[in-house]
Every structure is written in structure tokens, then in C-alpha cells.
Amino acid sequence: QVVIISDADRLTEAAGNALLKAIEEPPPRTVFLLCAPST
């Protein structure tokens, strides 16, 4: 399962927190690909 988030710099703070929880406890076959101008 692949999730591509174009312009991840536009995540609201609450949306970022929801994504963070998924990244911290990912399902075994899910991959998150985030795109942003910088870190």
C-alpha cells in the first residue's frame, strides 16, 4: 500500500499529527512517500 502526499508542507498541524501516528505505527505493507520543498 503506497501513499504519496504531494506538497506535504501544506499539512495542517492536526493533519501532521494524524500522519505522524501512522508513521510511528505503520502497517507491515504500507509505505508513505512525502514531498516537500525542504526539511
All heavy atoms as atom14 arrays in JSON, in Angstrom:
{
  "sequence": "QVVIISDADRLTEAAGNALLKAIEEPPPRTVFLLCAPST",
  "atom14_mask": [
    [1, 1, 1, 1, 1, 1, 1, 1, 1, 0, 0, 0, 0, 0],
    [1, 1, 1, 1, 1, 1, 1, 0, 0, 0, 0, 0, 0, 0],
    [1, 1, 1, 1, 1, 1, 1, 0, 0, 0, 0, 0, 0, 0],
    [1, 1, 1, 1, 1, 1, 1, 1, 0, 0, 0, 0, 0, 0],
    [1, 1, 1, 1, 1, 1, 1, 1, 0, 0, 0, 0, 0, 0],
    [1, 1, 1, 1, 1, 1, 0, 0, 0, 0, 0, 0, 0, 0],
    [1, 1, 1, 1, 1, 1, 1, 1, 0, 0, 0, 0, 0, 0],
    [1, 1, 1, 1, 1, 0, 0, 0, 0, 0, 0, 0, 0, 0],
    [1, 1, 1, 1, 1, 1, 1, 1, 0, 0, 0, 0, 0, 0],
    [1, 1, 1, 1, 1, 1, 1, 1, 1, 1, 1, 0, 0, 0],
    [1, 1, 1, 1, 1, 1, 1, 1, 0, 0, 0, 0, 0, 0],
    [1, 1, 1, 1, 1, 1, 1, 0, 0, 0, 0, 0, 0, 0],
    [1, 1, 1, 1, 1, 1, 1, 1, 1, 0, 0, 0, 0, 0],
    [1, 1, 1, 1, 1, 0, 0, 0, 0, 0, 0, 0, 0, 0],
    [1, 1, 1, 1, 1, 0, 0, 0, 0, 0, 0, 0, 0, 0],
    [1, 1, 1, 1, 0, 0, 0, 0, 0, 0, 0, 0, 0, 0],
    [1, 1, 1, 1, 1, 1, 1, 1, 0, 0, 0, 0, 0, 0],
    [1, 1, 1, 1, 1, 0, 0, 0, 0, 0, 0, 0, 0, 0],
    [1, 1, 1, 1, 1, 1, 1, 1, 0, 0, 0, 0, 0, 0],
    [1, 1, 1, 1, 1, 1, 1, 1, 0, 0, 0, 0, 0, 0],
    [1, 1, 1, 1, 1, 1, 1, 1, 1, 0, 0, 0, 0, 0],
    [1, 1, 1, 1, 1, 0, 0, 0, 0, 0, 0, 0, 0, 0],
    [1, 1, 1, 1, 1, 1, 1, 1, 0, 0, 0, 0, 0, 0],
    [1, 1, 1, 1, 1, 1, 1, 1, 1, 0, 0, 0, 0, 0],
    [1, 1, 1, 1, 1, 1, 1, 1, 1, 0, 0, 0, 0, 0],
    [1, 1, 1, 1, 1, 1, 1, 0, 0, 0, 0, 0, 0, 0],
    [1, 1, 1, 1, 1, 1, 1, 0, 0, 0, 0, 0, 0, 0],
    [1, 1, 1, 1, 1, 1, 1, 0, 0, 0, 0, 0, 0, 0],
    [1, 1, 1, 1, 1, 1, 1, 1, 1, 1, 1, 0, 0, 0],
    [1, 1, 1, 1, 1, 1, 1, 0, 0, 0, 0, 0, 0, 0],
    [1, 1, 1, 1, 1, 1, 1, 0, 0, 0, 0, 0, 0, 0],
    [1, 1, 1, 1, 1, 1, 1, 1, 1, 1, 1, 0, 0, 0],
    [1, 1, 1, 1, 1, 1, 1, 1, 0, 0, 0, 0, 0, 0],
    [1, 1, 1, 1, 1, 1, 1, 1, 0, 0, 0, 0, 0, 0],
    [1, 1, 1, 1, 1, 1, 0, 0, 0, 0, 0, 0, 0, 0],
    [1, 1, 1, 1, 1, 0, 0, 0, 0, 0, 0, 0, 0, 0],
    [1, 1, 1, 1, 1, 1, 1, 0, 0, 0, 0, 0, 0, 0],
    [1, 1, 1, 1, 1, 1, 0, 0, 0, 0, 0, 0, 0, 0],
    [1, 1, 1, 1, 1, 1, 1, 0, 0, 0, 0, 0, 0, 0]
  ],
  "atom14_positions": [
    [[0.87, -1.16, 0.0], [0.0, 0.0, 0.0], [0.92, 1.22, 0.0], [1.76, 1.37, 0.9], [-0.89, 0.03, 1.25], [-2.07, -0.91, 1.23], [-3.24, -0.35, 0.43], [-3.13, 0.69, -0.22], [-4.34, -1.06, 0.46], [0.0, 0.0, 0.0], [0.0, 0.0, 0.0], [0.0, 0.0, 0.0], [0.0, 0.0, 0.0], [0.0, 0.0, 0.0]],
    [[0.8, 2.09, -0.99], [1.67, 3.25, -1.1], [0.83, 4.52, -1.04], [-0.15, 4.66, -1.78], [2.48, 3.22, -2.41], [3.44, 4.42, -2.47], [3.26, 1.92, -2.53], [0.0, 0.0, 0.0], [0.0, 0.0, 0.0], [0.0, 0.0, 0.0], [0.0, 0.0, 0.0], [0.0, 0.0, 0.0], [0.0, 0.0, 0.0], [0.0, 0.0, 0.0]],
    [[1.21, 5.43, -0.16], [0.54, 6.72, -0.03], [1.54, 7.81, -0.42], [2.6, 7.96, 0.2], [0.06, 6.96, 1.42], [-0.58, 8.34, 1.54], [-0.92, 5.87, 1.83], [0.0, 0.0, 0.0], [0.0, 0.0, 0.0], [0.0, 0.0, 0.0], [0.0, 0.0, 0.0], [0.0, 0.0, 0.0], [0.0, 0.0, 0.0], [0.0, 0.0, 0.0]],
    [[1.22, 8.56, -1.48], [2.06, 9.67, -1.94], [1.38, 10.97, -1.55], [0.24, 11.23, -1.96], [2.26, 9.63, -3.46], [2.84, 8.28, -3.91], [3.17, 10.77, -3.91], [2.9, 8.11, -5.42], [0.0, 0.0, 0.0], [0.0, 0.0, 0.0], [0.0, 0.0, 0.0], [0.0, 0.0, 0.0], [0.0, 0.0, 0.0], [0.0, 0.0, 0.0]],
    [[2.04, 11.77, -0.73], [1.47, 13.05, -0.31], [2.27, 14.16, -0.99], [3.37, 14.52, -0.57], [1.5, 13.21, 1.22], [0.74, 12.06, 1.88], [0.89, 14.54, 1.63], [0.73, 12.1, 3.38], [0.0, 0.0, 0.0], [0.0, 0.0, 0.0], [0.0, 0.0, 0.0], [0.0, 0.0, 0.0], [0.0, 0.0, 0.0], [0.0, 0.0, 0.0]],
    [[1.72, 14.66, -2.08], [2.34, 15.79, -2.76], [2.14, 17.05, -1.92], [1.09, 17.24, -1.32], [1.7, 15.96, -4.14], [2.24, 17.06, -4.83], [0.0, 0.0, 0.0], [0.0, 0.0, 0.0], [0.0, 0.0, 0.0], [0.0, 0.0, 0.0], [0.0, 0.0, 0.0], [0.0, 0.0, 0.0], [0.0, 0.0, 0.0], [0.0, 0.0, 0.0]],
    [[3.16, 17.91, -1.87], [3.07, 19.14, -1.09], [2.74, 18.86, 0.36], [1.78, 19.4, 0.94], [2.04, 20.1, -1.68], [2.37, 20.51, -3.1], [3.54, 20.81, -3.35], [1.48, 20.51, -3.97], [0.0, 0.0, 0.0], [0.0, 0.0, 0.0], [0.0, 0.0, 0.0], [0.0, 0.0, 0.0], [0.0, 0.0, 0.0], [0.0, 0.0, 0.0]],
    [[3.53, 17.99, 0.99], [3.31, 17.67, 2.4], [3.54, 18.88, 3.29], [3.14, 18.86, 4.46], [4.23, 16.52, 2.82], [0.0, 0.0, 0.0], [0.0, 0.0, 0.0], [0.0, 0.0, 0.0], [0.0, 0.0, 0.0], [0.0, 0.0, 0.0], [0.0, 0.0, 0.0], [0.0, 0.0, 0.0], [0.0, 0.0, 0.0], [0.0, 0.0, 0.0]],
    [[4.17, 19.92, 2.76], [4.35, 21.15, 3.54], [3.03, 21.87, 3.78], [2.97, 22.81, 4.57], [5.33, 22.09, 2.82], [4.94, 22.35, 1.37], [4.76, 21.36, 0.63], [4.84, 23.52, 0.97], [0.0, 0.0, 0.0], [0.0, 0.0, 0.0], [0.0, 0.0, 0.0], [0.0, 0.0, 0.0], [0.0, 0.0, 0.0], [0.0, 0.0, 0.0]],
    [[1.95, 21.44, 3.11], [0.64, 22.06, 3.3], [-0.22, 21.31, 4.32], [-1.4, 21.61, 4.47], [-0.1, 22.15, 1.96], [0.61, 23.03, 0.94], [-0.21, 23.16, -0.33], [0.58, 23.74, -1.4], [0.15, 23.84, -2.67], [-1.05, 23.39, -2.97], [0.92, 24.38, -3.59], [0.0, 0.0, 0.0], [0.0, 0.0, 0.0], [0.0, 0.0, 0.0]],
    [[0.35, 20.33, 4.99], [-0.39, 19.65, 6.05], [-0.67, 20.62, 7.2], [0.23, 21.33, 7.66], [0.42, 18.47, 6.59], [0.56, 17.24, 5.7], [1.67, 16.34, 6.23], [-0.75, 16.47, 5.62], [0.0, 0.0, 0.0], [0.0, 0.0, 0.0], [0.0, 0.0, 0.0], [0.0, 0.0, 0.0], [0.0, 0.0, 0.0], [0.0, 0.0, 0.0]],
    [[-1.92, 20.65, 7.68], [-2.18, 21.41, 8.89], [-1.52, 20.7, 10.07], [-1.11, 19.54, 9.97], [-3.69, 21.53, 9.15], [-4.23, 20.22, 9.38], [-4.41, 22.17, 7.96], [0.0, 0.0, 0.0], [0.0, 0.0, 0.0], [0.0, 0.0, 0.0], [0.0, 0.0, 0.0], [0.0, 0.0, 0.0], [0.0, 0.0, 0.0], [0.0, 0.0, 0.0]],
    [[-1.43, 21.39, 11.2], [-0.79, 20.77, 12.36], [-1.53, 19.5, 12.78], [-0.9, 18.47, 13.07], [-0.75, 21.76, 13.51], [-0.07, 21.21, 14.76], [0.01, 22.22, 15.89], [-0.44, 23.37, 15.69], [0.51, 21.85, 16.97], [0.0, 0.0, 0.0], [0.0, 0.0, 0.0], [0.0, 0.0, 0.0], [0.0, 0.0, 0.0], [0.0, 0.0, 0.0]],
    [[-2.85, 19.56, 12.77], [-3.63, 18.38, 13.16], [-3.46, 17.25, 12.15], [-3.36, 16.07, 12.53], [-5.11, 18.76, 13.29], [0.0, 0.0, 0.0], [0.0, 0.0, 0.0], [0.0, 0.0, 0.0], [0.0, 0.0, 0.0], [0.0, 0.0, 0.0], [0.0, 0.0, 0.0], [0.0, 0.0, 0.0], [0.0, 0.0, 0.0], [0.0, 0.0, 0.0]],
    [[-3.42, 17.58, 10.86], [-3.21, 16.56, 9.84], [-1.83, 15.94, 9.97], [-1.65, 14.73, 9.81], [-3.39, 17.16, 8.45], [0.0, 0.0, 0.0], [0.0, 0.0, 0.0], [0.0, 0.0, 0.0], [0.0, 0.0, 0.0], [0.0, 0.0, 0.0], [0.0, 0.0, 0.0], [0.0, 0.0, 0.0], [0.0, 0.0, 0.0], [0.0, 0.0, 0.0]],
    [[-0.84, 16.76, 10.29], [0.51, 16.24, 10.5], [0.57, 15.28, 11.68], [1.26, 14.26, 11.63], [0.0, 0.0, 0.0], [0.0, 0.0, 0.0], [0.0, 0.0, 0.0], [0.0, 0.0, 0.0], [0.0, 0.0, 0.0], [0.0, 0.0, 0.0], [0.0, 0.0, 0.0], [0.0, 0.0, 0.0], [0.0, 0.0, 0.0], [0.0, 0.0, 0.0]],
    [[-0.18, 15.59, 12.74], [-0.2, 14.7, 13.9], [-0.85, 13.35, 13.55], [-0.41, 12.29, 14.01], [-0.94, 15.36, 15.05], [-0.17, 16.53, 15.64], [1.05, 16.58, 15.53], [-0.88, 17.47, 16.25], [0.0, 0.0, 0.0], [0.0, 0.0, 0.0], [0.0, 0.0, 0.0], [0.0, 0.0, 0.0], [0.0, 0.0, 0.0], [0.0, 0.0, 0.0]],
    [[-1.92, 13.4, 12.74], [-2.57, 12.16, 12.32], [-1.63, 11.31, 11.47], [-1.57, 10.08, 11.62], [-3.85, 12.49, 11.55], [0.0, 0.0, 0.0], [0.0, 0.0, 0.0], [0.0, 0.0, 0.0], [0.0, 0.0, 0.0], [0.0, 0.0, 0.0], [0.0, 0.0, 0.0], [0.0, 0.0, 0.0], [0.0, 0.0, 0.0], [0.0, 0.0, 0.0]],
    [[-0.88, 11.97, 10.59], [0.08, 11.25, 9.76], [1.21, 10.69, 10.61], [1.66, 9.55, 10.41], [0.64, 12.18, 8.69], [1.76, 11.61, 7.81], [1.26, 10.41, 7.01], [2.31, 12.68, 6.88], [0.0, 0.0, 0.0], [0.0, 0.0, 0.0], [0.0, 0.0, 0.0], [0.0, 0.0, 0.0], [0.0, 0.0, 0.0], [0.0, 0.0, 0.0]],
    [[1.67, 11.48, 11.58], [2.77, 11.03, 12.44], [2.41, 9.73, 13.17], [3.24, 8.82, 13.25], [3.11, 12.12, 13.46], [4.14, 11.77, 14.52], [5.48, 11.43, 13.87], [4.3, 12.91, 15.51], [0.0, 0.0, 0.0], [0.0, 0.0, 0.0], [0.0, 0.0, 0.0], [0.0, 0.0, 0.0], [0.0, 0.0, 0.0], [0.0, 0.0, 0.0]],
    [[1.19, 9.64, 13.66], [0.78, 8.43, 14.38], [0.85, 7.22, 13.45], [1.29, 6.13, 13.86], [-0.63, 8.59, 14.93], [-1.12, 7.41, 15.75], [-2.46, 7.69, 16.39], [-2.96, 6.49, 17.19], [-2.03, 6.09, 18.25], [0.0, 0.0, 0.0], [0.0, 0.0, 0.0], [0.0, 0.0, 0.0], [0.0, 0.0, 0.0], [0.0, 0.0, 0.0]],
    [[0.46, 7.41, 12.19], [0.5, 6.3, 11.23], [1.94, 5.92, 10.9], [2.26, 4.73, 10.74], [-0.26, 6.67, 9.96], [0.0, 0.0, 0.0], [0.0, 0.0, 0.0], [0.0, 0.0, 0.0], [0.0, 0.0, 0.0], [0.0, 0.0, 0.0], [0.0, 0.0, 0.0], [0.0, 0.0, 0.0], [0.0, 0.0, 0.0], [0.0, 0.0, 0.0]],
    [[2.81, 6.91, 10.81], [4.22, 6.62, 10.5], [4.9, 5.94, 11.68], [5.77, 5.08, 11.51], [4.95, 7.92, 10.11], [4.42, 8.43, 8.75], [6.45, 7.72, 10.04], [5.03, 9.74, 8.32], [0.0, 0.0, 0.0], [0.0, 0.0, 0.0], [0.0, 0.0, 0.0], [0.0, 0.0, 0.0], [0.0, 0.0, 0.0], [0.0, 0.0, 0.0]],
    [[4.51, 6.32, 12.89], [5.11, 5.7, 14.08], [4.69, 4.24, 14.25], [5.46, 3.43, 14.75], [4.71, 6.51, 15.32], [5.42, 7.85, 15.43], [4.99, 8.61, 16.66], [3.81, 8.45, 17.08], [5.79, 9.39, 17.2], [0.0, 0.0, 0.0], [0.0, 0.0, 0.0], [0.0, 0.0, 0.0], [0.0, 0.0, 0.0], [0.0, 0.0, 0.0]],
    [[3.47, 3.92, 13.82], [2.97, 2.55, 13.95], [2.43, 2.08, 12.6], [1.22, 1.88, 12.43], [1.87, 2.49, 15.01], [2.34, 2.96, 16.39], [1.2, 3.03, 17.39], [0.07, 2.66, 17.01], [1.44, 3.44, 18.54], [0.0, 0.0, 0.0], [0.0, 0.0, 0.0], [0.0, 0.0, 0.0], [0.0, 0.0, 0.0], [0.0, 0.0, 0.0]],
    [[3.31, 1.89, 11.62], [2.84, 1.59, 10.26], [2.4, 0.14, 10.1], [2.97, -0.76, 10.72], [4.08, 1.87, 9.41], [5.22, 1.53, 10.32], [4.78, 1.96, 11.7], [0.0, 0.0, 0.0], [0.0, 0.0, 0.0], [0.0, 0.0, 0.0], [0.0, 0.0, 0.0], [0.0, 0.0, 0.0], [0.0, 0.0, 0.0], [0.0, 0.0, 0.0]],
    [[1.41, -0.11, 9.28], [1.08, -1.5, 8.91], [2.28, -2.1, 8.18], [3.11, -1.38, 7.59], [-0.12, -1.34, 7.97], [-0.68, 0.01, 8.3], [0.49, 0.85, 8.68], [0.0, 0.0, 0.0], [0.0, 0.0, 0.0], [0.0, 0.0, 0.0], [0.0, 0.0, 0.0], [0.0, 0.0, 0.0], [0.0, 0.0, 0.0], [0.0, 0.0, 0.0]],
    [[2.41, -3.42, 8.17], [3.62, -4.04, 7.63], [3.83, -3.86, 6.13], [4.94, -4.02, 5.66], [3.43, -5.53, 7.97], [1.95, -5.69, 8.17], [1.48, -4.4, 8.74], [0.0, 0.0, 0.0], [0.0, 0.0, 0.0], [0.0, 0.0, 0.0], [0.0, 0.0, 0.0], [0.0, 0.0, 0.0], [0.0, 0.0, 0.0], [0.0, 0.0, 0.0]],
    [[2.78, -3.54, 5.37], [2.93, -3.41, 3.92], [2.49, -2.03, 3.43], [2.06, -1.88, 2.3], [2.12, -4.5, 3.2], [2.69, -5.9, 3.34], [4.01, -6.04, 2.54], [4.52, -7.39, 2.6], [5.37, -7.82, 3.5], [5.81, -6.98, 4.44], [5.79, -9.07, 3.5], [0.0, 0.0, 0.0], [0.0, 0.0, 0.0], [0.0, 0.0, 0.0]],
    [[2.65, -1.01, 4.27], [2.28, 0.36, 3.88], [3.53, 1.23, 3.84], [4.35, 1.2, 4.76], [1.26, 0.96, 4.86], [0.07, 0.16, 4.84], [0.89, 2.38, 4.45], [0.0, 0.0, 0.0], [0.0, 0.0, 0.0], [0.0, 0.0, 0.0], [0.0, 0.0, 0.0], [0.0, 0.0, 0.0], [0.0, 0.0, 0.0], [0.0, 0.0, 0.0]],
    [[3.65, 2.01, 2.77], [4.8, 2.9, 2.59], [4.28, 4.31, 2.36], [3.39, 4.53, 1.52], [5.66, 2.45, 1.39], [6.86, 3.4, 1.22], [6.13, 1.02, 1.57], [0.0, 0.0, 0.0], [0.0, 0.0, 0.0], [0.0, 0.0, 0.0], [0.0, 0.0, 0.0], [0.0, 0.0, 0.0], [0.0, 0.0, 0.0], [0.0, 0.0, 0.0]],
    [[4.82, 5.27, 3.1], [4.44, 6.68, 2.96], [5.53, 7.43, 2.22], [6.71, 7.38, 2.62], [4.22, 7.32, 4.34], [3.07, 6.72, 5.1], [3.26, 5.67, 5.99], [1.78, 7.21, 4.93], [2.2, 5.12, 6.69], [0.71, 6.65, 5.62], [0.92, 5.61, 6.51], [0.0, 0.0, 0.0], [0.0, 0.0, 0.0], [0.0, 0.0, 0.0]],
    [[5.16, 8.16, 1.18], [6.09, 8.96, 0.39], [5.64, 10.41, 0.46], [4.59, 10.78, -0.08], [6.12, 8.48, -1.07], [6.33, 6.98, -1.29], [6.34, 6.67, -2.79], [7.62, 6.51, -0.64], [0.0, 0.0, 0.0], [0.0, 0.0, 0.0], [0.0, 0.0, 0.0], [0.0, 0.0, 0.0], [0.0, 0.0, 0.0], [0.0, 0.0, 0.0]],
    [[6.41, 11.25, 1.15], [6.07, 12.66, 1.35], [6.93, 13.54, 0.45], [8.13, 13.28, 0.3], [6.26, 13.07, 2.81], [5.75, 12.1, 3.89], [5.97, 12.71, 5.27], [4.3, 11.77, 3.67], [0.0, 0.0, 0.0], [0.0, 0.0, 0.0], [0.0, 0.0, 0.0], [0.0, 0.0, 0.0], [0.0, 0.0, 0.0], [0.0, 0.0, 0.0]],
    [[6.35, 14.58, -0.1], [7.08, 15.52, -0.95], [7.0, 16.91, -0.33], [5.9, 17.39, -0.02], [6.48, 15.55, -2.36], [6.37, 13.93, -3.16], [0.0, 0.0, 0.0], [0.0, 0.0, 0.0], [0.0, 0.0, 0.0], [0.0, 0.0, 0.0], [0.0, 0.0, 0.0], [0.0, 0.0, 0.0], [0.0, 0.0, 0.0], [0.0, 0.0, 0.0]],
    [[8.14, 17.56, -0.15], [8.18, 18.89, 0.46], [9.39, 19.65, -0.09], [10.37, 19.03, -0.52], [8.25, 18.79, 1.98], [0.0, 0.0, 0.0], [0.0, 0.0, 0.0], [0.0, 0.0, 0.0], [0.0, 0.0, 0.0], [0.0, 0.0, 0.0], [0.0, 0.0, 0.0], [0.0, 0.0, 0.0], [0.0, 0.0, 0.0], [0.0, 0.0, 0.0]],
    [[9.35, 20.98, -0.06], [10.49, 21.75, -0.57], [11.78, 21.49, 0.2], [12.87, 21.5, -0.38], [10.03, 23.2, -0.41], [8.55, 23.14, -0.4], [8.21, 21.85, 0.29], [0.0, 0.0, 0.0], [0.0, 0.0, 0.0], [0.0, 0.0, 0.0], [0.0, 0.0, 0.0], [0.0, 0.0, 0.0], [0.0, 0.0, 0.0], [0.0, 0.0, 0.0]],
    [[11.68, 21.28, 1.51], [12.88, 21.08, 2.33], [12.47, 20.36, 3.61], [11.3, 20.06, 3.84], [13.53, 22.43, 2.67], [12.74, 23.14, 3.62], [0.0, 0.0, 0.0], [0.0, 0.0, 0.0], [0.0, 0.0, 0.0], [0.0, 0.0, 0.0], [0.0, 0.0, 0.0], [0.0, 0.0, 0.0], [0.0, 0.0, 0.0], [0.0, 0.0, 0.0]],
    [[13.45, 20.12, 4.47], [13.17, 19.54, 5.78], [13.13, 20.61, 6.87], [13.14, 20.29, 8.05], [14.24, 18.49, 6.15], [15.54, 19.1, 6.1], [14.18, 17.32, 5.19], [0.0, 0.0, 0.0], [0.0, 0.0, 0.0], [0.0, 0.0, 0.0], [0.0, 0.0, 0.0], [0.0, 0.0, 0.0], [0.0, 0.0, 0.0], [0.0, 0.0, 0.0]]
  ]
}
